[in-house]
C-alpha atoms as a PDB file:
ATOM      1  CA  UNK A   1      38.642 166.835  68.107  1.00  0.00           C
ATOM      2  CA  UNK A   2      41.713 167.200  65.526  1.00  0.00           C
ATOM      3  CA  UNK A   3      42.706 163.377  63.940  1.00  0.00           C
ATOM      4  CA  UNK A   4      45.662 162.979  65.603  1.00  0.00           C
ATOM      5  CA  UNK A   5      43.600 163.803  69.705  1.00  0.00           C
ATOM      6  CA  UNK A   6      41.667 160.609  67.984  1.00  0.00           C
ATOM      7  CA  UNK A   7      44.229 158.300  67.540  1.00  0.00           C
ATOM      8  CA  UNK A   8      45.322 159.396  70.494  1.00  0.00           C
ATOM      9  CA  UNK A   9      42.720 158.702  72.513  1.00  0.00           C
ATOM     10  CA  UNK A  10      41.778 155.206  70.514  1.00  0.00           C
ATOM     11  CA  UNK A  11      45.815 153.669  70.788  1.00  0.00           C
ATOM     12  CA  UNK A  12      45.165 154.552  75.110  1.00  0.00           C
ATOM     13  CA  UNK A  13      41.613 152.216  74.810  1.00  0.00           C
ATOM     14  CA  UNK A  14      43.221 149.736  73.003  1.00  0.00           C
ATOM     15  CA  UNK A  15      46.126 149.364  75.155  1.00  0.00           C
ATOM     16  CA  UNK A  16      43.959 149.541  78.587  1.00  0.00           C
ATOM     17  CA  UNK A  17      41.954 146.674  76.523  1.00  0.00           C
ATOM     18  CA  UNK A  18      45.051 144.254  76.198  1.00  0.00           C
ATOM     19  CA  UNK A  19      46.098 145.424  79.682  1.00  0.00           C
ATOM     20  CA  UNK A  20      42.448 143.874  80.873  1.00  0.00           C
ATOM     21  CA  UNK A  21      43.138 140.966  78.731  1.00  0.00           C
ATOM     22  CA  UNK A  22      46.222 140.852  80.025  1.00  0.00           C
ATOM     23  CA  UNK A  23      45.106 139.885  83.549  1.00  0.00           C
ATOM     24  CA  UNK A  24      42.347 138.661  83.262  1.00  0.00           C
ATOM     25  CA  UNK A  25      41.860 135.021  84.915  1.00  0.00           C
ATOM     26  CA  UNK A  26      42.889 131.880  82.855  1.00  0.00           C
ATOM     27  CA  UNK A  27      39.910 129.997  81.815  1.00  0.00           C
ATOM     28  CA  UNK A  28      38.516 127.628  84.373  1.00  0.00           C
ATOM     29  CA  UNK A  29      38.317 123.769  83.666  1.00  0.00           C
ATOM     30  CA  UNK A  30      35.377 122.118  82.950  1.00  0.00           C
ATOM     31  CA  UNK A  31      33.751 119.662  85.330  1.00  0.00           C
ATOM     32  CA  UNK A  32      31.306 116.579  84.700  1.00  0.00           C
ATOM     33  CA  UNK A  33      30.549 114.016  86.075  1.00  0.00           C
ATOM     34  CA  UNK A  34      30.533 110.335  84.893  1.00  0.00           C
ATOM     35  CA  UNK A  35      29.868 108.095  87.676  1.00  0.00           C
ATOM     36  CA  UNK A  36      30.113 107.387  91.144  1.00  0.00           C
ATOM     37  CA  UNK A  37      29.811 104.082  93.266  1.00  0.00           C
ATOM     38  CA  UNK A  38      30.454 102.958  96.982  1.00  0.00           C
ATOM     39  CA  UNK A  39      32.484 100.770  97.277  1.00  0.00           C
ATOM     40  CA  UNK A  40      31.161  98.189  99.070  1.00  0.00           C
ATOM     41  CA  UNK A  41      34.209  95.889  99.724  1.00  0.00           C
ATOM     42  CA  UNK A  42      35.809  98.831 101.201  1.00  0.00           C
ATOM     43  CA  UNK A  43      33.087 100.597 103.882  1.00  0.00           C
ATOM     44  CA  UNK A  44      33.240 104.183 103.873  1.00  0.00           C
ATOM     45  CA  UNK A  45      35.125 104.750 100.756  1.00  0.00           C
ATOM     46  CA  UNK A  46      33.618 105.221  96.735  1.00  0.00           C
ATOM     47  CA  UNK A  47      35.211 105.507  93.512  1.00  0.00           C
ATOM     48  CA  UNK A  48      34.347 108.574  91.339  1.00  0.00           C
ATOM     49  CA  UNK A  49      35.004 109.498  87.388  1.00  0.00           C
ATOM     50  CA  UNK A  50      34.691 112.887  86.352  1.00  0.00           C
ATOM     51  CA  UNK A  51      35.828 114.295  82.780  1.00  0.00           C
ATOM     52  CA  UNK A  52      37.325 117.544  82.795  1.00  0.00           C
ATOM     53  CA  UNK A  53      37.842 119.928  79.878  1.00  0.00           C
ATOM     54  CA  UNK A  54      41.252 122.981  79.708  1.00  0.00           C
ATOM     55  CA  UNK A  55      39.902 125.309  77.118  1.00  0.00           C
ATOM     56  CA  UNK A  56      42.733 127.140  75.743  1.00  0.00           C
ATOM     57  CA  UNK A  57      45.059 128.600  78.448  1.00  0.00           C
ATOM     58  CA  UNK A  58      42.702 126.773  81.769  1.00  0.00           C
ATOM     59  CA  UNK A  59      44.748 126.496  84.723  1.00  0.00           C
ATOM     60  CA  UNK A  60      44.159 124.903  87.961  1.00  0.00           C
ATOM     61  CA  UNK A  61      44.462 126.672  91.591  1.00  0.00           C
ATOM     62  CA  UNK A  62      46.862 124.567  93.909  1.00  0.00           C
ATOM     63  CA  UNK A  63      44.951 121.982  95.292  1.00  0.00           C
ATOM     64  CA  UNK A  64      44.558 118.637  96.370  1.00  0.00           C
ATOM     65  CA  UNK A  65      41.947 115.639  96.471  1.00  0.00           C
ATOM     66  CA  UNK A  66      42.826 113.560  99.379  1.00  0.00           C
ATOM     67  CA  UNK A  67      42.112 110.708  97.311  1.00  0.00           C
ATOM     68  CA  UNK A  68      44.069 108.579  94.600  1.00  0.00           C
ATOM     69  CA  UNK A  69      44.031 110.242  91.739  1.00  0.00           C
ATOM     70  CA  UNK A  70      44.025 108.815  88.164  1.00  0.00           C
ATOM     71  CA  UNK A  71      44.217 110.498  85.476  1.00  0.00           C
ATOM     72  CA  UNK A  72      44.108 109.099  81.558  1.00  0.00           C
ATOM     73  CA  UNK A  73      44.361 111.847  78.747  1.00  0.00           C
ATOM     74  CA  UNK A  74      42.099 111.635  76.006  1.00  0.00           C
ATOM     75  CA  UNK A  75      42.637 114.471  73.637  1.00  0.00           C
ATOM     76  CA  UNK A  76      45.303 117.940  73.638  1.00  0.00           C
ATOM     77  CA  UNK A  77      48.199 118.164  76.149  1.00  0.00           C
ATOM     78  CA  UNK A  78      47.869 118.979  79.651  1.00  0.00           C
ATOM     79  CA  UNK A  79      51.026 118.913  82.250  1.00  0.00           C
ATOM     80  CA  UNK A  80      50.538 118.277  85.854  1.00  0.00           C
ATOM     81  CA  UNK A  81      52.497 118.107  88.475  1.00  0.00           C
ATOM     82  CA  UNK A  82      52.728 117.654  92.488  1.00  0.00           C
ATOM     83  CA  UNK A  83      54.544 119.262  95.059  1.00  0.00           C
ATOM     84  CA  UNK A  84      58.137 117.847  95.452  1.00  0.00           C
ATOM     85  CA  UNK A  85      57.212 115.893  91.719  1.00  0.00           C
ATOM     86  CA  UNK A  86      58.550 117.179  88.337  1.00  0.00           C
ATOM     87  CA  UNK A  87      56.165 118.623  85.917  1.00  0.00           C
ATOM     88  CA  UNK A  88      54.993 116.368  83.386  1.00  0.00           C
ATOM     89  CA  UNK A  89      53.470 117.347  79.916  1.00  0.00           C
ATOM     90  CA  UNK A  90      50.733 114.258  79.221  1.00  0.00           C
ATOM     91  CA  UNK A  91      49.529 113.236  75.492  1.00  0.00           C
ATOM     92  CA  UNK A  92      46.329 111.471  74.203  1.00  0.00           C
ATOM     93  CA  UNK A  93      47.182 107.735  75.681  1.00  0.00           C
ATOM     94  CA  UNK A  94      49.174 108.695  78.662  1.00  0.00           C
ATOM     95  CA  UNK A  95      48.372 108.756  82.286  1.00  0.00           C
ATOM     96  CA  UNK A  96      49.248 110.271  86.014  1.00  0.00           C
ATOM     97  CA  UNK A  97      48.747 109.679  89.278  1.00  0.00           C
ATOM     98  CA  UNK A  98      48.185 111.542  92.490  1.00  0.00           C
ATOM     99  CA  UNK A  99      48.089 109.906  95.802  1.00  0.00           C
ATOM    100  CA  UNK A 100      45.850 111.451  99.048  1.00  0.00           C
ATOM    101  CA  UNK A 101      48.370 113.590 100.538  1.00  0.00           C
ATOM    102  CA  UNK A 102      50.078 115.182  97.334  1.00  0.00           C
ATOM    103  CA  UNK A 103      49.780 118.918  96.467  1.00  0.00           C
ATOM    104  CA  UNK A 104      48.899 119.560  92.931  1.00  0.00           C
ATOM    105  CA  UNK A 105      50.675 122.436  92.438  1.00  0.00           C
ATOM    106  CA  UNK A 106      50.583 122.740  88.455  1.00  0.00           C
ATOM    107  CA  UNK A 107      47.044 121.422  86.816  1.00  0.00           C
ATOM    108  CA  UNK A 108      46.591 123.657  83.141  1.00  0.00           C
ATOM    109  CA  UNK A 109      46.043 122.712  79.347  1.00  0.00           C
ATOM    110  CA  UNK A 110      49.624 122.906  77.648  1.00  0.00           C
ATOM    111  CA  UNK A 111      47.966 124.463  74.290  1.00  0.00           C
ATOM    112  CA  UNK A 112      46.916 128.179  74.322  1.00  0.00           C
ATOM    113  CA  UNK A 113      45.137 127.582  71.030  1.00  0.00           C
ATOM    114  CA  UNK A 114      43.260 123.770  71.502  1.00  0.00           C
ATOM    115  CA  UNK A 115      40.984 122.290  74.574  1.00  0.00           C
ATOM    116  CA  UNK A 116      42.542 119.144  75.680  1.00  0.00           C
ATOM    117  CA  UNK A 117      40.219 116.800  77.803  1.00  0.00           C
ATOM    118  CA  UNK A 118      41.240 113.590  80.425  1.00  0.00           C
ATOM    119  CA  UNK A 119      39.390 111.326  82.861  1.00  0.00           C
ATOM    120  CA  UNK A 120      39.747 111.369  86.561  1.00  0.00           C
ATOM    121  CA  UNK A 121      39.048 108.265  88.689  1.00  0.00           C
ATOM    122  CA  UNK A 122      39.294 109.268  92.221  1.00  0.00           C
ATOM    123  CA  UNK A 123      39.684 106.713  95.446  1.00  0.00           C
ATOM    124  CA  UNK A 124      38.279 108.485  97.856  1.00  0.00           C
ATOM    125  CA  UNK A 125      36.334 108.792 101.356  1.00  0.00           C
ATOM    126  CA  UNK A 126      32.389 109.223 100.577  1.00  0.00           C
ATOM    127  CA  UNK A 127      31.047 112.105 100.511  1.00  0.00           C
ATOM    128  CA  UNK A 128      34.559 113.986 100.506  1.00  0.00           C
ATOM    129  CA  UNK A 129      34.988 117.047  98.380  1.00  0.00           C
ATOM    130  CA  UNK A 130      37.129 116.438  95.152  1.00  0.00           C
ATOM    131  CA  UNK A 131      39.112 118.999  95.229  1.00  0.00           C
ATOM    132  CA  UNK A 132      40.315 120.603  98.572  1.00  0.00           C
ATOM    133  CA  UNK A 133      42.151 124.303  97.663  1.00  0.00           C
ATOM    134  CA  UNK A 134      45.120 124.332  99.249  1.00  0.00           C
ATOM    135  CA  UNK A 135      46.292 127.326 100.729  1.00  0.00           C
END
């Protein structure tokens, strides 16, 4: 094979790899349960705390929680938005609330190079899922 043909083949392979990377889904959030406690003063309700890490470039699908969600950023920078609200960028020490009827339209790491970590407290019905995809 001539040098020109080898170079052309290599460029085509590189272009294919780059297209595959460009079309790849963003990294997924890593969710770690912290605690779950029944709320005896509120029959049928529980508090659930989770730690969420967004790898660089991670984003959540559109979803809802059917819960009050209280988010507190520990590290990095995240972008949050609920349907009808404005997108906000949060940094360590800042917080965000979403209610049981909110649709979480944007949840993502603001950085393509650094991870972000945040703590979430959900007040919800006992046994209800943490996240429900919105179609």
